[in-house]
């Protein structure tokens, strides 16, 4: 299986879930950062 790049839509989904559960707050930030980096690589 190849590497998948984080998309903005996926980052938003992860952030929403983290906000609802109160967990993975650090991962939420990293997901958004990865999506922002990948956005410029298209």
N, C-alpha and C. Protein backbone atom coordinates (compact mmCIF):
# COMPACT_ATOMS: atom_id res chain seq x y z
N UNK A 1 0.85 -1.18 0.00
CA UNK A 1 0.00 0.00 0.00
C UNK A 1 0.89 1.24 0.00
N UNK A 2 0.61 2.18 -0.89
CA UNK A 2 1.39 3.40 -1.00
C UNK A 2 1.00 4.43 0.05
N UNK A 3 1.84 5.43 0.17
CA UNK A 3 1.54 6.51 1.12
C UNK A 3 0.41 7.37 0.58
N UNK A 4 -0.47 7.76 1.45
CA UNK A 4 -1.55 8.67 1.08
C UNK A 4 -1.28 10.03 1.69
N UNK A 5 -1.59 11.05 0.95
CA UNK A 5 -1.40 12.41 1.44
C UNK A 5 -2.67 12.88 2.15
N UNK A 6 -2.48 13.65 3.19
CA UNK A 6 -3.60 14.19 3.95
C UNK A 6 -4.28 15.29 3.15
N UNK A 7 -5.57 15.18 2.99
CA UNK A 7 -6.35 16.20 2.30
C UNK A 7 -7.05 17.08 3.33
N UNK A 8 -7.41 18.28 2.92
CA UNK A 8 -8.09 19.20 3.83
C UNK A 8 -9.38 18.61 4.38
N UNK A 9 -10.10 17.89 3.53
CA UNK A 9 -11.37 17.28 3.97
C UNK A 9 -11.11 16.26 5.09
N UNK A 10 -10.07 15.47 4.94
CA UNK A 10 -9.73 14.49 5.97
C UNK A 10 -9.29 15.18 7.26
N UNK A 11 -8.52 16.24 7.12
CA UNK A 11 -8.07 16.97 8.31
C UNK A 11 -9.26 17.56 9.07
N UNK A 12 -10.23 18.08 8.35
CA UNK A 12 -11.44 18.63 9.01
C UNK A 12 -12.20 17.53 9.74
N UNK A 13 -12.28 16.36 9.13
CA UNK A 13 -12.99 15.23 9.76
C UNK A 13 -12.27 14.82 11.04
N UNK A 14 -10.95 14.77 11.00
CA UNK A 14 -10.16 14.40 12.17
C UNK A 14 -10.32 15.45 13.27
N UNK A 15 -10.28 16.72 12.89
CA UNK A 15 -10.44 17.79 13.87
C UNK A 15 -11.80 17.74 14.54
N UNK A 16 -12.83 17.48 13.75
CA UNK A 16 -14.18 17.41 14.30
C UNK A 16 -14.30 16.28 15.31
N UNK A 17 -13.75 15.12 14.97
CA UNK A 17 -13.81 13.98 15.88
C UNK A 17 -13.02 14.26 17.16
N UNK A 18 -11.84 14.88 17.01
CA UNK A 18 -11.02 15.20 18.18
C UNK A 18 -11.74 16.19 19.09
N UNK A 19 -12.44 17.15 18.51
CA UNK A 19 -13.19 18.12 19.31
C UNK A 19 -14.34 17.45 20.06
N UNK A 20 -15.01 16.51 19.42
CA UNK A 20 -16.14 15.82 20.05
C UNK A 20 -15.68 14.92 21.19
N UNK A 21 -14.53 14.25 21.02
CA UNK A 21 -14.07 13.30 22.02
C UNK A 21 -13.13 13.92 23.05
N UNK A 22 -12.52 15.07 22.70
CA UNK A 22 -11.56 15.69 23.60
C UNK A 22 -10.20 15.01 23.60
N UNK A 23 -9.99 14.10 22.66
CA UNK A 23 -8.73 13.36 22.56
C UNK A 23 -8.01 13.74 21.28
N UNK A 24 -6.76 13.33 21.17
CA UNK A 24 -5.95 13.52 19.96
C UNK A 24 -5.81 14.99 19.57
N UNK A 25 -5.69 15.87 20.54
CA UNK A 25 -5.56 17.29 20.22
C UNK A 25 -4.26 17.58 19.47
N UNK A 26 -3.17 16.87 19.80
CA UNK A 26 -1.91 17.07 19.09
C UNK A 26 -2.00 16.55 17.66
N UNK A 27 -2.66 15.41 17.48
CA UNK A 27 -2.80 14.86 16.14
C UNK A 27 -3.64 15.77 15.26
N UNK A 28 -4.60 16.42 15.86
CA UNK A 28 -5.45 17.37 15.13
C UNK A 28 -4.60 18.46 14.48
N UNK A 29 -3.67 19.00 15.22
CA UNK A 29 -2.78 20.04 14.71
C UNK A 29 -1.88 19.50 13.61
N UNK A 30 -1.34 18.30 13.82
CA UNK A 30 -0.45 17.71 12.82
C UNK A 30 -1.20 17.36 11.53
N UNK A 31 -2.44 16.93 11.64
CA UNK A 31 -3.23 16.61 10.45
C UNK A 31 -3.47 17.85 9.60
N UNK A 32 -3.79 18.96 10.25
CA UNK A 32 -4.03 20.20 9.51
C UNK A 32 -2.74 20.69 8.86
N UNK A 33 -1.64 20.56 9.57
CA UNK A 33 -0.35 20.98 9.03
C UNK A 33 0.01 20.16 7.79
N UNK A 34 -0.21 18.85 7.85
CA UNK A 34 0.09 17.98 6.71
C UNK A 34 -0.80 18.32 5.52
N UNK A 35 -2.06 18.59 5.78
CA UNK A 35 -2.99 18.95 4.70
C UNK A 35 -2.56 20.26 4.04
N UNK A 36 -2.13 21.22 4.85
CA UNK A 36 -1.68 22.50 4.30
C UNK A 36 -0.44 22.32 3.43
N UNK A 37 0.49 21.47 3.88
CA UNK A 37 1.70 21.21 3.09
C UNK A 37 1.36 20.52 1.78
N UNK A 38 0.46 19.54 1.82
CA UNK A 38 0.11 18.78 0.63
C UNK A 38 -0.72 19.59 -0.35
N UNK A 39 -1.41 20.58 0.13
CA UNK A 39 -2.24 21.42 -0.73
C UNK A 39 -1.40 22.11 -1.80
N UNK A 40 -0.20 22.52 -1.45
CA UNK A 40 0.67 23.22 -2.38
C UNK A 40 1.42 22.29 -3.33
N UNK A 41 1.35 20.99 -3.11
CA UNK A 41 2.12 20.04 -3.92
C UNK A 41 1.34 19.45 -5.08
N UNK A 42 0.11 19.90 -5.30
CA UNK A 42 -0.71 19.34 -6.38
C UNK A 42 -0.23 19.77 -7.72
